[in-house]
Structure formats: structure tokens, C-alpha cells
Protein backbone atom coordinates (compact mmCIF):
# COMPACT_ATOMS: atom_id res chain seq x y z
CA MET A 1 124.17 90.28 103.98
CA SER A 2 121.67 93.17 103.42
CA SER A 3 119.70 94.35 106.34
CA LEU A 4 116.46 93.13 104.67
CA LEU A 5 117.95 89.55 103.91
CA SER A 6 119.37 89.46 107.54
CA PHE A 7 115.93 90.32 109.07
CA ALA A 8 114.26 87.82 106.92
CA THR A 9 116.54 85.03 108.36
CA VAL A 10 115.98 85.67 111.68
CA ARG A 11 112.38 87.18 112.38
CA ALA A 12 108.94 85.35 111.74
CA ILE A 13 107.61 85.57 107.97
CA TYR A 14 103.90 86.26 107.60
CA PRO A 15 102.41 85.12 104.40
CA SER A 16 99.19 87.05 105.05
CA LEU A 17 101.24 90.30 104.91
CA SER A 18 102.76 89.79 101.45
CA GLY A 19 101.73 92.42 99.07
CA LYS A 20 99.71 94.35 101.60
CA ARG A 21 99.48 98.08 101.27
CA VAL A 22 100.95 99.69 104.42
CA LEU A 23 101.09 103.10 105.46
CA VAL A 24 103.40 104.32 108.38
CA THR A 25 103.35 107.69 110.07
CA GLY A 26 106.64 108.91 111.34
CA GLY A 27 108.32 106.24 109.51
CA GLY A 28 111.80 108.07 108.73
CA SER A 29 113.65 107.24 111.89
CA GLY A 30 113.75 105.56 115.21
CA ILE A 31 110.69 103.23 115.99
CA GLY A 32 109.04 104.17 112.47
CA GLU A 33 112.51 103.40 110.54
CA GLY A 34 112.13 99.98 112.07
CA LEU A 35 108.72 99.43 111.03
CA VAL A 36 109.23 100.42 107.69
CA GLU A 37 112.33 98.09 107.15
CA ALA A 38 110.12 95.16 109.01
CA PHE A 39 107.14 95.73 106.56
CA VAL A 40 109.22 96.01 103.41
CA ALA A 41 111.08 92.80 104.46
CA GLN A 42 107.62 91.01 104.56
CA GLY A 43 107.20 92.01 101.06
CA CYS A 44 104.62 94.57 101.57
CA ARG A 45 103.97 97.62 99.55
CA VAL A 46 105.31 100.52 101.87
CA ALA A 47 104.48 104.17 101.93
CA PHE A 48 105.63 106.36 104.68
CA VAL A 49 105.10 110.29 105.90
CA ASP A 50 107.63 112.32 107.80
CA ILE A 51 109.04 115.76 108.01
CA ALA A 52 112.51 114.55 108.23
CA ASP A 53 113.41 114.51 104.69
CA ASP A 54 116.98 113.60 104.78
CA ALA A 55 116.76 110.70 107.10
CA SER A 56 113.59 109.35 105.01
CA LYS A 57 115.32 109.78 101.58
CA ALA A 58 118.34 107.88 103.23
CA LEU A 59 115.69 104.84 104.53
CA VAL A 60 114.08 104.53 100.98
CA SER A 61 118.01 104.32 99.47
CA ARG A 62 119.13 102.02 101.99
CA LEU A 63 116.31 99.65 101.24
CA SER A 64 115.77 99.79 97.74
CA SER A 65 118.19 97.39 96.56
CA ASP A 66 116.42 94.28 98.11
CA ALA A 67 113.02 95.27 98.25
CA ALA A 68 110.20 93.59 96.40
CA TYR A 69 108.80 96.94 96.47
CA VAL A 70 110.60 100.03 97.00
CA PRO A 71 109.06 102.06 99.99
CA LEU A 72 107.32 105.47 99.27
CA TYR A 73 108.22 108.53 101.11
CA LEU A 74 106.14 111.64 101.05
CA HIS A 75 106.89 114.89 103.36
CA CYS A 76 103.88 115.72 105.45
CA ASP A 77 103.54 117.81 108.62
CA LEU A 78 100.69 115.75 110.22
CA SER A 79 99.67 118.86 112.49
CA ASP A 80 98.17 120.30 109.18
CA LEU A 81 94.98 118.28 108.55
CA ALA A 82 94.95 119.24 104.93
CA ASN A 83 98.37 118.39 104.26
CA LEU A 84 97.55 114.81 106.09
CA LYS A 85 94.45 114.21 103.94
CA THR A 86 96.29 115.05 100.72
CA ALA A 87 99.13 113.00 101.53
CA ILE A 88 97.12 109.92 102.54
CA THR A 89 94.84 110.37 99.41
CA ASP A 90 97.95 110.33 97.02
CA LEU A 91 99.59 107.59 98.89
CA ALA A 92 96.52 105.47 98.88
CA GLU A 93 96.37 106.16 95.06
CA SER A 94 99.87 105.33 94.50
CA LEU A 95 99.65 102.01 96.51
CA GLY A 96 96.13 101.18 95.07
CA GLY A 97 94.75 101.38 98.68
CA ILE A 98 95.61 101.02 102.31
CA ASP A 99 95.17 97.77 103.94
CA ILE A 100 97.09 98.77 107.15
CA LEU A 101 97.67 101.96 108.81
CA ILE A 102 100.39 102.46 111.56
CA ASN A 103 99.89 105.84 113.45
CA ASN A 104 103.18 105.81 114.88
CA ALA A 105 104.31 109.51 114.64
CA GLY A 106 104.60 111.63 117.87
CA ASN A 107 106.84 113.98 119.84
CA ASP A 108 107.99 113.69 123.27
CA ASP A 109 109.59 116.98 124.13
CA ARG A 110 109.98 117.61 127.64
CA HIS A 111 107.90 120.71 128.94
CA ALA A 112 107.43 122.03 132.59
CA LEU A 113 103.67 122.26 133.96
CA GLU A 114 104.33 126.22 134.43
CA ASP A 115 105.47 126.92 130.77
CA VAL A 116 102.63 125.37 128.83
CA THR A 117 100.24 127.84 127.30
CA PRO A 118 96.77 127.26 125.39
CA GLU A 119 98.71 127.58 122.03
CA TYR A 120 101.43 124.97 123.20
CA TRP A 121 98.61 122.72 124.34
CA ASP A 122 96.90 122.85 121.19
CA GLN A 123 100.38 122.09 119.05
CA ARG A 124 101.14 119.15 121.48
CA LEU A 125 97.79 117.76 121.02
CA ASN A 126 97.70 118.00 117.26
CA VAL A 127 101.25 116.66 117.13
CA ASN A 128 100.60 113.65 119.26
CA LEU A 129 96.64 112.88 119.14
CA ARG A 130 94.68 114.51 116.69
CA HIS A 131 96.18 113.19 113.48
CA GLN A 132 95.72 109.72 114.57
CA PHE A 133 92.04 110.02 114.48
CA PHE A 134 92.01 111.97 111.15
CA ALA A 135 94.53 109.50 109.41
CA ALA A 136 92.32 106.64 110.59
CA GLN A 137 89.19 108.37 109.21
CA ALA A 138 91.00 109.20 105.90
CA ALA A 139 92.18 105.38 105.51
CA ALA A 140 89.06 103.48 106.47
CA PRO A 141 87.27 103.87 103.36
CA SER A 142 90.00 101.93 101.43
CA MET A 143 90.04 99.54 104.03
CA LYS A 144 86.14 98.94 103.83
CA ARG A 145 86.31 98.68 99.99
CA ALA A 146 89.02 95.90 100.56
CA GLY A 147 86.82 94.05 102.95
CA GLY A 148 88.92 94.82 106.04
CA GLY A 149 92.09 96.17 107.36
CA VAL A 150 94.38 96.96 110.32
CA ILE A 151 94.97 100.11 112.20
CA LEU A 152 97.63 100.09 114.77
CA ASN A 153 97.85 103.41 116.90
CA PHE A 154 101.14 103.81 119.23
CA GLY A 155 100.55 104.82 122.77
CA SER A 156 103.41 104.95 125.28
CA ILE A 157 104.35 103.35 128.85
CA SER A 158 105.10 106.90 129.85
CA TRP A 159 101.52 107.52 131.13
CA HIS A 160 101.30 104.30 132.65
CA LEU A 161 104.31 104.89 134.72
CA GLY A 162 103.57 108.93 135.28
CA LEU A 163 106.90 110.19 134.04
CA PRO A 164 108.05 113.86 134.93
CA GLU A 165 107.88 116.79 132.54
CA LEU A 166 105.79 114.91 130.00
CA VAL A 167 102.09 115.73 131.19
CA LEU A 168 100.59 116.77 127.76
CA TYR A 169 102.45 114.03 125.74
CA GLN A 170 101.03 111.49 128.51
CA THR A 171 97.51 113.19 128.09
CA CYS A 172 97.73 112.20 124.54
CA LYS A 173 99.01 108.99 124.93
CA ALA A 174 96.22 107.88 127.72
CA ALA A 175 93.62 109.27 124.95
CA ILE A 176 95.09 107.10 122.15
CA GLU A 177 94.11 103.93 124.31
CA GLY A 178 90.45 105.38 124.33
CA LEU A 179 90.50 106.02 120.79
CA THR A 180 91.49 102.60 119.79
CA ARG A 181 88.64 101.42 121.85
CA GLY A 182 85.94 103.51 120.04
CA LEU A 183 87.51 102.76 116.68
CA ALA A 184 87.53 99.01 117.18
CA ARG A 185 83.88 99.30 118.06
CA ASP A 186 82.86 101.51 115.12
CA LEU A 187 85.14 99.96 112.46
CA GLY A 188 84.61 96.12 113.51
CA SER A 189 81.70 95.70 111.48
CA ASP A 190 83.67 96.30 108.49
CA ASN A 191 86.37 93.62 109.49
CA ILE A 192 88.79 96.63 110.34
CA ARG A 193 90.79 95.72 113.57
CA VAL A 194 92.31 98.59 115.93
CA ASN A 195 94.92 97.91 118.37
CA THR A 196 97.23 100.16 120.75
CA ILE A 197 101.02 99.30 120.67
CA VAL A 198 102.49 100.68 124.03
CA PRO A 199 106.15 100.64 123.73
CA GLY A 200 108.54 100.93 126.77
CA ASN A 201 111.57 102.98 126.51
CA VAL A 202 113.02 102.01 123.05
CA GLN A 203 116.83 102.30 122.38
CA THR A 204 116.49 105.05 119.64
CA PRO A 205 119.01 108.13 119.03
CA ARG A 206 116.17 110.26 120.10
CA GLN A 207 115.71 108.65 123.37
CA GLU A 208 119.39 108.79 123.95
CA LEU A 209 118.98 112.49 124.18
CA TRP A 210 117.02 112.63 127.03
CA TYR A 211 118.92 109.77 129.27
CA THR A 212 122.27 109.93 130.49
CA PRO A 213 124.02 106.28 130.97
CA GLU A 214 122.75 106.44 134.64
CA GLY A 215 119.33 106.89 133.71
CA GLU A 216 119.57 104.16 131.17
CA ALA A 217 120.78 101.86 133.72
CA ALA A 218 118.04 102.90 136.22
CA ILE A 219 115.36 102.09 133.27
CA VAL A 220 116.82 98.61 133.06
CA SER A 221 117.07 97.78 136.40
CA ALA A 222 113.13 98.68 136.49
CA GLN A 223 112.07 96.29 133.90
CA CYS A 224 111.83 92.70 134.36
CA LEU A 225 114.17 91.83 131.45
CA LYS A 226 117.70 93.31 131.69
CA ASN A 227 118.04 94.34 127.91
CA ARG A 228 117.08 97.70 126.23
CA VAL A 229 113.95 97.15 123.96
CA GLN A 230 115.08 98.04 120.28
CA PRO A 231 112.79 99.00 117.43
CA ALA A 232 113.15 95.42 115.97
CA ASP A 233 111.24 94.46 119.11
CA VAL A 234 108.41 96.54 118.65
CA ALA A 235 108.22 95.95 114.69
CA ALA A 236 107.81 92.09 115.72
CA LEU A 237 104.89 92.83 117.76
CA VAL A 238 103.33 95.19 115.04
CA LEU A 239 103.98 92.52 112.27
CA PHE A 240 101.95 89.96 114.25
CA LEU A 241 99.07 92.17 114.91
CA ALA A 242 98.85 93.34 111.38
CA SER A 243 98.79 89.71 110.15
CA ASP A 244 95.91 87.51 109.88
CA ASP A 245 97.43 85.49 112.60
CA ALA A 246 96.20 88.40 114.77
CA LYS A 247 92.54 88.14 113.13
CA MET A 248 90.46 88.28 116.41
CA CYS A 249 92.68 90.58 118.14
CA THR A 250 91.14 94.02 118.34
CA GLY A 251 90.39 96.80 120.86
CA HIS A 252 93.11 96.36 123.20
CA ASP A 253 96.58 97.57 124.18
CA TYR A 254 99.60 95.50 123.62
CA PHE A 255 102.86 96.22 125.63
CA VAL A 256 106.36 95.61 124.52
CA ASP A 257 108.32 97.11 127.53
CA ALA A 258 110.53 94.39 128.83
CA GLY A 259 108.01 94.49 131.95
CA TRP A 260 109.16 98.10 132.95
CA ARG A 261 107.54 98.81 136.43
């Protein structure tokens, strides 16, 4: 059984998502890969951007055989705002508009306080925060023309816990929750909903770079639920919030962290 058919047999299907035009940032691997797969399985027209060409092209190839709409991939460095604007414009034209924007891309490289320079500060904020605002700004006109839309910004459990060696990443992720509140207010009159997804420690190849088996066991021990959070668990929440079933949900933060405290 294909991955898409398997997904469809065990996950909720949202009729309101069928045919929706979805843009995912950082969609080539990890959580983003799970999001692309989930929206494709809903019959959405999906486009995604990333800088990981090999992984992204492999994802398109893997999903293409069973997809109602083959996902579109475009290489884009989100820290380059001109590149970002061009990519969103081009993909919106290819899709016929954007109904749903998933601001997923980010980078959680560890850093010591004493090693941070002004240049590194700017680079980290550009990679983790700035592009979310400008992607929303670029996608909003299409949503307004369509009579509404959804923007889901990705935060992180990290700043709620105060994890070590992530001070700039956590600064950005805390700010994203404020960004969501502001955008939800400013765009609500245009029927555009904006929420934050706050994942816990999601089991992806990247996260496994940072944690030993003992470290992973410690995370599970601190969770209320004693299983590792998977990309599909995050995707399940994203699909609900993107669908019309969540039509009165906006301006808030939604956690999928297995109760990590």
C-alpha cells in the first residue's frame, strides 16, 4: 500500500481541504515533509520551498504516483527576502492562488551565549523569524481575494521550557507567538485565520543529531504521554486548524508535545 493511501486509511479526511492551494516552507524533510505528505493526501494543491534540493526532489517523486495533484517544489533561501517574494509570487501563479500558508521553516542550531556576534544574531533572526512575517505579507493578498485563508506559524516548545544553548532560536520562537496574535487581529476582518503550532520534541533525523538515546529517554520521561511525537502527529493538528472545522479558531497557540514539562 502506498504511503498516501496508508495515510488516508488511518487519518481524518477533511472535505473542506480538497483542492485547497497550500504553501509549506521548509517542506523537504522532517516535520515539513510530513506536512506536505498530509496535505497531498487530502487532495490539496501543494507547493513547498526549501534549500535541500535532493531531499525535496525525492519527496516529490515519492508522492507523485498517488497524488491527485503532484506537489510543486521550488528552491528558496528564505533569508533572502527578494528570493522569498519571487518564490511566493511564482508559486501562487502556478497554483492559482494561496489559501493556506504553513510557516514551518526554521533552524535550531545550538549556540553558546559567548559566541554570538551581531552578524550571527541577524542571521538567526532572518532564518527563524523574519521570513514568517514577509511570507504572510506576500500570501495575504491572494487570501483576501479568495474571501479568506489560513496562516499557521510554527513556534517551539523550547522557549517554554528554557532549553540550553538555544537563546536566539528561543527568542525567535517566543516572538512568533506575538506575531500570530498581531496578524490574527489585523487579518481577521478579511476572514484570514492565524494560529501558532507549538511542537514538542518531534522524532526526526535532525533531532536525533542532538540527542543521545539517554537524552531521548529523559524527554519521554518528562512527557505525560510516553511515546515520541512523530511528524504525522504534528500534521494531524495542522490539518484540523487548516480546515473549515476550525473556522472559529484564530490568534492562539496549539501544542502537540505529549505534555512535555
